Amino acid sequence: ASNGTWIAVTDEQILDAMRVLGRTEGVFGEPAGVTATAGVRQAVADGVIKSNETVTVISTGSGLKDVKNALRAAGKPTMCEPSLEALEKSGIL
């Protein structure tokens, strides 16, 4: 446990947390809601939180509140025809 500390994170770390949560957990969070996740990731990198410790992070706020930053985090959407063949060709699947 950190026993009470604070961690500063950059905007890029917050956008990365948006990407990671979307990719690994299916969470579409907005920047303010995923900032705690970015902080925990930084705390682990700094050794403040050990990688074997259990941590709970509450993420609030839908990514639909801030679509502009969601696009910054995820990048330009891949467009394709609505078929399995097109999805496979595009590399999405």
PDB file of N, CA and C in Angstrom:
ATOM      1  N   ALA A   1       0.843  -1.188   0.000  1.00  0.00           N
ATOM      2  CA  ALA A   1       0.000   0.000   0.000  1.00  0.00           C
ATOM      3  C   ALA A   1       0.878   1.237   0.000  1.00  0.00           C
ATOM      4  N   SER A   2       0.365   2.308  -0.543  1.00  0.00           N
ATOM      5  CA  SER A   2       1.145   3.538  -0.676  1.00  0.00           C
ATOM      6  C   SER A   2       1.267   4.293   0.639  1.00  0.00           C
ATOM      7  N   ASN A   3       0.374   4.035   1.603  1.00  0.00           N
ATOM      8  CA  ASN A   3       0.357   4.754   2.878  1.00  0.00           C
ATOM      9  C   ASN A   3       0.185   6.254   2.684  1.00  0.00           C
ATOM     10  N   GLY A   4      -0.487   6.633   1.637  1.00  0.00           N
ATOM     11  CA  GLY A   4      -0.789   8.036   1.385  1.00  0.00           C
ATOM     12  C   GLY A   4       0.300   8.725   0.597  1.00  0.00           C
ATOM     13  N   THR A   5       0.095   8.867  -0.656  1.00  0.00           N
ATOM     14  CA  THR A   5       1.041   9.570  -1.521  1.00  0.00           C
ATOM     15  C   THR A   5       0.267  10.137  -2.697  1.00  0.00           C
ATOM     16  N   TRP A   6       0.894  10.971  -3.462  1.00  0.00           N
ATOM     17  CA  TRP A   6       0.247  11.455  -4.680  1.00  0.00           C
ATOM     18  C   TRP A   6       1.187  11.187  -5.839  1.00  0.00           C
ATOM     19  N   ILE A   7       0.597  11.022  -6.987  1.00  0.00           N
ATOM     20  CA  ILE A   7       1.339  10.707  -8.208  1.00  0.00           C
ATOM     21  C   ILE A   7       0.877  11.673  -9.290  1.00  0.00           C
ATOM     22  N   ALA A   8       1.815  12.309  -9.952  1.00  0.00           N
ATOM     23  CA  ALA A   8       1.481  13.184 -11.078  1.00  0.00           C
ATOM     24  C   ALA A   8       1.529  12.364 -12.365  1.00  0.00           C
ATOM     25  N   VAL A   9       0.556  12.584 -13.242  1.00  0.00           N
ATOM     26  CA  VAL A   9       0.540  11.910 -14.539  1.00  0.00           C
ATOM     27  C   VAL A   9       0.349  12.948 -15.635  1.00  0.00           C
ATOM     28  N   THR A  10       0.830  12.622 -16.811  1.00  0.00           N
ATOM     29  CA  THR A  10       0.714  13.522 -17.954  1.00  0.00           C
ATOM     30  C   THR A  10      -0.579  13.253 -18.718  1.00  0.00           C
ATOM     31  N   ASP A  11      -0.923  14.182 -19.581  1.00  0.00           N
ATOM     32  CA  ASP A  11      -2.088  13.975 -20.447  1.00  0.00           C
ATOM     33  C   ASP A  11      -1.912  12.718 -21.293  1.00  0.00           C
ATOM     34  N   GLU A  12      -0.693  12.481 -21.763  1.00  0.00           N
ATOM     35  CA  GLU A  12      -0.445  11.295 -22.593  1.00  0.00           C
ATOM     36  C   GLU A  12      -0.649  10.012 -21.795  1.00  0.00           C
ATOM     37  N   GLN A  13      -0.265  10.011 -20.521  1.00  0.00           N
ATOM     38  CA  GLN A  13      -0.497   8.833 -19.680  1.00  0.00           C
ATOM     39  C   GLN A  13      -1.994   8.599 -19.477  1.00  0.00           C
ATOM     40  N   ILE A  14      -2.750   9.674 -19.370  1.00  0.00           N
ATOM     41  CA  ILE A  14      -4.205   9.553 -19.223  1.00  0.00           C
ATOM     42  C   ILE A  14      -4.810   8.978 -20.499  1.00  0.00           C
ATOM     43  N   LEU A  15      -4.385   9.484 -21.658  1.00  0.00           N
ATOM     44  CA  LEU A  15      -4.881   8.948 -22.928  1.00  0.00           C
ATOM     45  C   LEU A  15      -4.485   7.481 -23.084  1.00  0.00           C
ATOM     46  N   ASP A  16      -3.287   7.134 -22.625  1.00  0.00           N
ATOM     47  CA  ASP A  16      -2.862   5.735 -22.686  1.00  0.00           C
ATOM     48  C   ASP A  16      -3.739   4.871 -21.785  1.00  0.00           C
ATOM     49  N   ALA A  17      -4.105   5.387 -20.615  1.00  0.00           N
ATOM     50  CA  ALA A  17      -5.002   4.643 -19.719  1.00  0.00           C
ATOM     51  C   ALA A  17      -6.357   4.428 -20.385  1.00  0.00           C
ATOM     52  N   MET A  18      -6.823   5.425 -21.149  1.00  0.00           N
ATOM     53  CA  MET A  18      -8.079   5.263 -21.894  1.00  0.00           C
ATOM     54  C   MET A  18      -7.957   4.099 -22.868  1.00  0.00           C
ATOM     55  N   ARG A  19      -6.832   4.047 -23.589  1.00  0.00           N
ATOM     56  CA  ARG A  19      -6.608   2.966 -24.566  1.00  0.00           C
ATOM     57  C   ARG A  19      -6.540   1.610 -23.873  1.00  0.00           C
ATOM     58  N   VAL A  20      -5.773   1.532 -22.795  1.00  0.00           N
ATOM     59  CA  VAL A  20      -5.586   0.261 -22.093  1.00  0.00           C
ATOM     60  C   VAL A  20      -6.903  -0.247 -21.527  1.00  0.00           C
ATOM     61  N   LEU A  21      -7.661   0.629 -20.869  1.00  0.00           N
ATOM     62  CA  LEU A  21      -8.940   0.199 -20.296  1.00  0.00           C
ATOM     63  C   LEU A  21      -9.915  -0.243 -21.382  1.00  0.00           C
ATOM     64  N   GLY A  22      -9.927   0.462 -22.502  1.00  0.00           N
ATOM     65  CA  GLY A  22     -10.801   0.065 -23.603  1.00  0.00           C
ATOM     66  C   GLY A  22     -10.407  -1.274 -24.188  1.00  0.00           C
ATOM     67  N   ARG A  23      -9.108  -1.471 -24.370  1.00  0.00           N
ATOM     68  CA  ARG A  23      -8.603  -2.688 -25.005  1.00  0.00           C
ATOM     69  C   ARG A  23      -8.685  -3.897 -24.080  1.00  0.00           C
ATOM     70  N   THR A  24      -8.371  -3.724 -22.793  1.00  0.00           N
ATOM     71  CA  THR A  24      -8.269  -4.881 -21.898  1.00  0.00           C
ATOM     72  C   THR A  24      -9.498  -5.122 -21.036  1.00  0.00           C
ATOM     73  N   GLU A  25     -10.268  -4.069 -20.756  1.00  0.00           N
ATOM     74  CA  GLU A  25     -11.404  -4.209 -19.843  1.00  0.00           C
ATOM     75  C   GLU A  25     -12.747  -3.875 -20.482  1.00  0.00           C
ATOM     76  N   GLY A  26     -12.730  -3.326 -21.701  1.00  0.00           N
ATOM     77  CA  GLY A  26     -13.977  -2.938 -22.347  1.00  0.00           C
ATOM     78  C   GLY A  26     -14.604  -1.708 -21.722  1.00  0.00           C
ATOM     79  N   VAL A  27     -13.789  -0.893 -21.054  1.00  0.00           N
ATOM     80  CA  VAL A  27     -14.279   0.326 -20.397  1.00  0.00           C
ATOM     81  C   VAL A  27     -13.987   1.515 -21.300  1.00  0.00           C
ATOM     82  N   PHE A  28     -15.026   2.261 -21.655  1.00  0.00           N
ATOM     83  CA  PHE A  28     -14.884   3.470 -22.466  1.00  0.00           C
ATOM     84  C   PHE A  28     -14.994   4.659 -21.518  1.00  0.00           C
ATOM     85  N   GLY A  29     -13.874   4.991 -20.890  1.00  0.00           N
ATOM     86  CA  GLY A  29     -13.866   6.056 -19.896  1.00  0.00           C
ATOM     87  C   GLY A  29     -13.421   7.380 -20.470  1.00  0.00           C
ATOM     88  N   GLU A  30     -13.865   8.461 -19.830  1.00  0.00           N
ATOM     89  CA  GLU A  30     -13.406   9.788 -20.227  1.00  0.00           C
ATOM     90  C   GLU A  30     -12.161  10.130 -19.409  1.00  0.00           C
ATOM     91  N   PRO A  31     -11.391  11.142 -19.822  1.00  0.00           N
ATOM     92  CA  PRO A  31     -10.102  11.411 -19.187  1.00  0.00           C
ATOM     93  C   PRO A  31     -10.142  11.552 -17.660  1.00  0.00           C
ATOM     94  N   ALA A  32     -11.058  12.335 -17.124  1.00  0.00           N
ATOM     95  CA  ALA A  32     -11.100  12.510 -15.666  1.00  0.00           C
ATOM     96  C   ALA A  32     -11.390  11.191 -14.965  1.00  0.00           C
ATOM     97  N   GLY A  33     -12.176  10.339 -15.597  1.00  0.00           N
ATOM     98  CA  GLY A  33     -12.544   9.069 -14.991  1.00  0.00           C
ATOM     99  C   GLY A  33     -11.442   8.028 -15.002  1.00  0.00           C
ATOM    100  N   VAL A  34     -10.492   8.149 -15.916  1.00  0.00           N
ATOM    101  CA  VAL A  34      -9.422   7.152 -15.995  1.00  0.00           C
ATOM    102  C   VAL A  34      -8.100   7.661 -15.427  1.00  0.00           C
ATOM    103  N   THR A  35      -8.102   8.878 -14.913  1.00  0.00           N
ATOM    104  CA  THR A  35      -6.870   9.442 -14.364  1.00  0.00           C
ATOM    105  C   THR A  35      -6.332   8.603 -13.209  1.00  0.00           C
ATOM    106  N   ALA A  36      -7.214   8.063 -12.379  1.00  0.00           N
ATOM    107  CA  ALA A  36      -6.759   7.212 -11.271  1.00  0.00           C
ATOM    108  C   ALA A  36      -6.035   5.976 -11.792  1.00  0.00           C
ATOM    109  N   THR A  37      -6.508   5.416 -12.892  1.00  0.00           N
ATOM    110  CA  THR A  37      -5.835   4.259 -13.484  1.00  0.00           C
ATOM    111  C   THR A  37      -4.439   4.645 -13.954  1.00  0.00           C
ATOM    112  N   ALA A  38      -4.324   5.806 -14.582  1.00  0.00           N
ATOM    113  CA  ALA A  38      -3.005   6.288 -15.004  1.00  0.00           C
ATOM    114  C   ALA A  38      -2.095   6.459 -13.790  1.00  0.00           C
ATOM    115  N   GLY A  39      -2.649   6.959 -12.696  1.00  0.00           N
ATOM    116  CA  GLY A  39      -1.868   7.139 -11.473  1.00  0.00           C
ATOM    117  C   GLY A  39      -1.403   5.826 -10.878  1.00  0.00           C
ATOM    118  N   VAL A  40      -2.263   4.830 -10.876  1.00  0.00           N
ATOM    119  CA  VAL A  40      -1.873   3.512 -10.353  1.00  0.00           C
ATOM    120  C   VAL A  40      -0.775   2.910 -11.221  1.00  0.00           C
ATOM    121  N   ARG A  41      -0.907   3.036 -12.520  1.00  0.00           N
ATOM    122  CA  ARG A  41       0.121   2.500 -13.420  1.00  0.00           C
ATOM    123  C   ARG A  41       1.470   3.171 -13.155  1.00  0.00           C
ATOM    124  N   GLN A  42       1.446   4.492 -12.928  1.00  0.00           N
ATOM    125  CA  GLN A  42       2.677   5.218 -12.626  1.00  0.00           C
ATOM    126  C   GLN A  42       3.225   4.809 -11.261  1.00  0.00           C
ATOM    127  N   ALA A  43       2.345   4.626 -10.280  1.00  0.00           N
ATOM    128  CA  ALA A  43       2.775   4.209  -8.942  1.00  0.00           C
ATOM    129  C   ALA A  43       3.449   2.836  -8.984  1.00  0.00           C
ATOM    130  N   VAL A  44       2.937   1.938  -9.815  1.00  0.00           N
ATOM    131  CA  VAL A  44       3.572   0.624  -9.977  1.00  0.00           C
ATOM    132  C   VAL A  44       4.939   0.799 -10.636  1.00  0.00           C
ATOM    133  N   ALA A  45       5.005   1.630 -11.674  1.00  0.00           N
ATOM    134  CA  ALA A  45       6.279   1.876 -12.360  1.00  0.00           C
ATOM    135  C   ALA A  45       7.309   2.495 -11.418  1.00  0.00           C
ATOM    136  N   ASP A  46       6.851   3.344 -10.491  1.00  0.00           N
ATOM    137  CA  ASP A  46       7.744   4.002  -9.527  1.00  0.00           C
ATOM    138  C   ASP A  46       8.084   3.115  -8.337  1.00  0.00           C
ATOM    139  N   GLY A  47       7.431   1.967  -8.213  1.00  0.00           N
ATOM    140  CA  GLY A  47       7.676   1.080  -7.086  1.00  0.00           C
ATOM    141  C   GLY A  47       6.918   1.455  -5.825  1.00  0.00           C
ATOM    142  N   VAL A  48       6.021   2.436  -5.925  1.00  0.00           N
ATOM    143  CA  VAL A  48       5.207   2.839  -4.773  1.00  0.00           C
ATOM    144  C   VAL A  48       4.201   1.745  -4.452  1.00  0.00           C
ATOM    145  N   ILE A  49       3.643   1.150  -5.487  1.00  0.00           N
ATOM    146  CA  ILE A  49       2.740   0.010  -5.354  1.00  0.00           C
ATOM    147  C   ILE A  49       3.447  -1.185  -5.979  1.00  0.00           C
ATOM    148  N   LYS A  50       3.509  -2.267  -5.253  1.00  0.00           N
ATOM    149  CA  LYS A  50       4.159  -3.483  -5.761  1.00  0.00           C
ATOM    150  C   LYS A  50       3.238  -4.185  -6.759  1.00  0.00           C
ATOM    151  N   SER A  51       3.826  -4.822  -7.743  1.00  0.00           N
ATOM    152  CA  SER A  51       3.032  -5.460  -8.799  1.00  0.00           C
ATOM    153  C   SER A  51       2.170  -6.608  -8.284  1.00  0.00           C
ATOM    154  N   ASN A  52       2.481  -7.145  -7.099  1.00  0.00           N
ATOM    155  CA  ASN A  52       1.683  -8.246  -6.557  1.00  0.00           C
ATOM    156  C   ASN A  52       0.610  -7.769  -5.581  1.00  0.00           C
ATOM    157  N   GLU A  53       0.500  -6.449  -5.365  1.00  0.00           N
ATOM    158  CA  GLU A  53      -0.516  -5.921  -4.465  1.00  0.00           C
ATOM    159  C   GLU A  53      -1.846  -5.777  -5.197  1.00  0.00           C
ATOM    160  N   THR A  54      -2.927  -5.887  -4.452  1.00  0.00           N
ATOM    161  CA  THR A  54      -4.261  -5.708  -5.004  1.00  0.00           C
ATOM    162  C   THR A  54      -4.678  -4.258  -4.818  1.00  0.00           C
ATOM    163  N   VAL A  55      -5.140  -3.647  -5.896  1.00  0.00           N
ATOM    164  CA  VAL A  55      -5.558  -2.246  -5.880  1.00  0.00           C
ATOM    165  C   VAL A  55      -6.924  -2.151  -6.542  1.00  0.00           C
ATOM    166  N   THR A  56      -7.797  -1.350  -5.974  1.00  0.00           N
ATOM    167  CA  THR A  56      -9.105  -1.096  -6.573  1.00  0.00           C
ATOM    168  C   THR A  56      -9.131   0.327  -7.104  1.00  0.00           C
ATOM    169  N   VAL A  57      -9.556   0.482  -8.344  1.00  0.00           N
ATOM    170  CA  VAL A  57      -9.679   1.805  -8.954  1.00  0.00           C
ATOM    171  C   VAL A  57     -11.122   1.983  -9.393  1.00  0.00           C
ATOM    172  N   ILE A  58     -11.707   3.095  -9.010  1.00  0.00           N
ATOM    173  CA  ILE A  58     -13.066   3.411  -9.441  1.00  0.00           C
ATOM    174  C   ILE A  58     -12.958   4.387 -10.600  1.00  0.00           C
ATOM    175  N   SER A  59     -13.522   3.994 -11.722  1.00  0.00           N
ATOM    176  CA  SER A  59     -13.478   4.822 -12.922  1.00  0.00           C
ATOM    177  C   SER A  59     -14.879   5.323 -13.228  1.00  0.00           C
ATOM    178  N   THR A  60     -15.038   6.632 -13.233  1.00  0.00           N
ATOM    179  CA  THR A  60     -16.348   7.226 -13.494  1.00  0.00           C
ATOM    180  C   THR A  60     -16.304   8.035 -14.778  1.00  0.00           C
ATOM    181  N   GLY A  61     -17.433   8.243 -15.372  1.00  0.00           N
ATOM    182  CA  GLY A  61     -17.513   9.100 -16.551  1.00  0.00           C
ATOM    183  C   GLY A  61     -17.339   8.341 -17.844  1.00  0.00           C
ATOM    184  N   SER A  62     -18.333   8.387 -18.677  1.00  0.00           N
ATOM    185  CA  SER A  62     -18.321   7.713 -19.969  1.00  0.00           C
ATOM    186  C   SER A  62     -17.458   8.465 -20.973  1.00  0.00           C
ATOM    187  N   GLY A  63     -16.801   7.714 -21.834  1.00  0.00           N
ATOM    188  CA  GLY A  63     -16.026   8.305 -22.912  1.00  0.00           C
ATOM    189  C   GLY A  63     -16.875   9.135 -23.858  1.00  0.00           C
ATOM    190  N   LEU A  64     -18.186   8.913 -23.832  1.00  0.00           N
ATOM    191  CA  LEU A  64     -19.077   9.703 -24.683  1.00  0.00           C
ATOM    192  C   LEU A  64     -19.141  11.158 -24.226  1.00  0.00           C
ATOM    193  N   LYS A  65     -18.676  11.443 -23.010  1.00  0.00           N
ATOM    194  CA  LYS A  65     -18.625  12.825 -22.530  1.00  0.00           C
ATOM    195  C   LYS A  65     -17.521  13.615 -23.216  1.00  0.00           C
ATOM    196  N   ASP A  66     -16.529  12.914 -23.760  1.00  0.00           N
ATOM    197  CA  ASP A  66     -15.370  13.582 -24.348  1.00  0.00           C
ATOM    198  C   ASP A  66     -14.874  12.792 -25.557  1.00  0.00           C
ATOM    199  N   VAL A  67     -15.663  12.793 -26.597  1.00  0.00           N
ATOM    200  CA  VAL A  67     -15.345  12.016 -27.795  1.00  0.00           C
ATOM    201  C   VAL A  67     -14.056  12.508 -28.448  1.00  0.00           C
ATOM    202  N   LYS A  68     -13.784  13.807 -28.370  1.00  0.00           N
ATOM    203  CA  LYS A  68     -12.571  14.364 -28.978  1.00  0.00           C
ATOM    204  C   LYS A  68     -11.321  13.685 -28.408  1.00  0.00           C
ATOM    205  N   ASN A  69     -11.237  13.573 -27.089  1.00  0.00           N
ATOM    206  CA  ASN A  69     -10.074  12.913 -26.493  1.00  0.00           C
ATOM    207  C   ASN A  69     -10.114  11.408 -26.690  1.00  0.00           C
ATOM    208  N   ALA A  70     -11.285  10.838 -26.808  1.00  0.00           N
ATOM    209  CA  ALA A  70     -11.379   9.411 -27.112  1.00  0.00           C
ATOM    210  C   ALA A  70     -10.753   9.137 -28.475  1.00  0.00           C
ATOM    211  N   LEU A  71     -11.017  10.011 -29.434  1.00  0.00           N
ATOM    212  CA  LEU A  71     -10.407   9.857 -30.760  1.00  0.00           C
ATOM    213  C   LEU A  71      -8.897  10.063 -30.691  1.00  0.00           C
ATOM    214  N   ARG A  72      -8.449  11.000 -29.838  1.00  0.00           N
ATOM    215  CA  ARG A  72      -7.001  11.186 -29.645  1.00  0.00           C
ATOM    216  C   ARG A  72      -6.378   9.915 -29.088  1.00  0.00           C
ATOM    217  N   ALA A  73      -7.069   9.275 -28.160  1.00  0.00           N
ATOM    218  CA  ALA A  73      -6.537   8.065 -27.526  1.00  0.00           C
ATOM    219  C   ALA A  73      -6.551   6.882 -28.484  1.00  0.00           C
ATOM    220  N   ALA A  74      -7.638   6.709 -29.201  1.00  0.00           N
ATOM    221  CA  ALA A  74      -7.818   5.519 -30.030  1.00  0.00           C
ATOM    222  C   ALA A  74      -7.267   5.669 -31.440  1.00  0.00           C
ATOM    223  N   GLY A  75      -7.164   6.891 -31.912  1.00  0.00           N
ATOM    224  CA  GLY A  75      -6.739   7.100 -33.285  1.00  0.00           C
ATOM    225  C   GLY A  75      -7.931   7.087 -34.229  1.00  0.00           C
ATOM    226  N   LYS A  76      -7.646   7.320 -35.488  1.00  0.00           N
ATOM    227  CA  LYS A  76      -8.698   7.387 -36.493  1.00  0.00           C
ATOM    228  C   LYS A  76      -9.376   6.021 -36.639  1.00  0.00           C
ATOM    229  N   PRO A  77     -10.703   6.001 -36.650  1.00  0.00           N
ATOM    230  CA  PRO A  77     -11.407   4.719 -36.809  1.00  0.00           C
ATOM    231  C   PRO A  77     -11.088   4.068 -38.154  1.00  0.00           C
ATOM    232  N   THR A  78     -11.042   2.758 -38.166  1.00  0.00           N
ATOM    233  CA  THR A  78     -10.860   1.998 -39.397  1.00  0.00           C
ATOM    234  C   THR A  78     -12.231   1.778 -40.020  1.00  0.00           C
ATOM    235  N   MET A  79     -12.384   2.189 -41.250  1.00  0.00           N
ATOM    236  CA  MET A  79     -13.657   2.039 -41.947  1.00  0.00           C
ATOM    237  C   MET A  79     -13.589   0.812 -42.852  1.00  0.00           C
ATOM    238  N   CYS A  80     -14.687   0.062 -42.885  1.00  0.00           N
ATOM    239  CA  CYS A  80     -14.766  -1.080 -43.791  1.00  0.00           C
ATOM    240  C   CYS A  80     -16.229  -1.416 -44.045  1.00  0.00           C
ATOM    241  N   GLU A  81     -16.447  -2.215 -45.051  1.00  0.00           N
ATOM    242  CA  GLU A  81     -17.792  -2.666 -45.380  1.00  0.00           C
ATOM    243  C   GLU A  81     -18.311  -3.571 -44.259  1.00  0.00           C
ATOM    244  N   PRO A  82     -19.629  -3.627 -44.071  1.00  0.00           N
ATOM    245  CA  PRO A  82     -20.189  -4.449 -42.992  1.00  0.00           C
ATOM    246  C   PRO A  82     -20.286  -5.935 -43.355  1.00  0.00           C
ATOM    247  N   SER A  83     -19.123  -6.572 -43.438  1.00  0.00           N
ATOM    248  CA  SER A  83     -19.108  -8.013 -43.708  1.00  0.00           C
ATOM    249  C   SER A  83     -17.914  -8.633 -42.987  1.00  0.00           C
ATOM    250  N   LEU A  84     -18.021  -9.911 -42.685  1.00  0.00           N
ATOM    251  CA  LEU A  84     -16.938 -10.621 -42.016  1.00  0.00           C
ATOM    252  C   LEU A  84     -15.674 -10.597 -42.866  1.00  0.00           C
ATOM    253  N   GLU A  85     -15.840 -10.781 -44.160  1.00  0.00           N
ATOM    254  CA  GLU A  85     -14.688 -10.774 -45.069  1.00  0.00           C
ATOM    255  C   GLU A  85     -13.964  -9.432 -45.016  1.00  0.00           C
ATOM    256  N   ALA A  86     -14.721  -8.329 -45.035  1.00  0.00           N
ATOM    257  CA  ALA A  86     -14.111  -7.000 -44.983  1.00  0.00           C
ATOM    258  C   ALA A  86     -13.413  -6.765 -43.645  1.00  0.00           C
ATOM    259  N   LEU A  87     -14.007  -7.240 -42.554  1.00  0.00           N
ATOM    260  CA  LEU A  87     -13.373  -7.106 -41.238  1.00  0.00           C
ATOM    261  C   LEU A  87     -12.051  -7.859 -41.191  1.00  0.00           C
ATOM    262  N   GLU A  88     -12.047  -9.071 -41.711  1.00  0.00           N
ATOM    263  CA  GLU A  88     -10.821  -9.867 -41.726  1.00  0.00           C
ATOM    264  C   GLU A  88      -9.753  -9.210 -42.592  1.00  0.00           C
ATOM    265  N   LYS A  89     -10.146  -8.664 -43.741  1.00  0.00           N
ATOM    266  CA  LYS A  89      -9.219  -7.993 -44.645  1.00  0.00           C
ATOM    267  C   LYS A  89      -8.616  -6.743 -44.018  1.00  0.00           C
ATOM    268  N   SER A  90      -9.424  -6.019 -43.242  1.00  0.00           N
ATOM    269  CA  SER A  90      -8.973  -4.757 -42.651  1.00  0.00           C
ATOM    270  C   SER A  90      -8.000  -4.963 -41.499  1.00  0.00           C
ATOM    271  N   GLY A  91      -7.943  -6.183 -40.964  1.00  0.00           N
ATOM    272  CA  GLY A  91      -7.069  -6.447 -39.827  1.00  0.00           C
ATOM    273  C   GLY A  91      -7.729  -6.187 -38.486  1.00  0.00           C
ATOM    274  N   ILE A  92      -9.006  -5.819 -38.494  1.00  0.00           N
ATOM    275  CA  ILE A  92      -9.731  -5.566 -37.249  1.00  0.00           C
ATOM    276  C   ILE A  92      -9.891  -6.860 -36.465  1.00  0.00           C
ATOM    277  N   LEU A  93     -10.167  -7.954 -37.169  1.00  0.00           N
ATOM    278  CA  LEU A  93     -10.323  -9.258 -36.497  1.00  0.00           C
ATOM    279  C   LEU A  93      -9.040 -10.034 -36.519  1.00  0.00           C
TER     280      LEU A  93
END
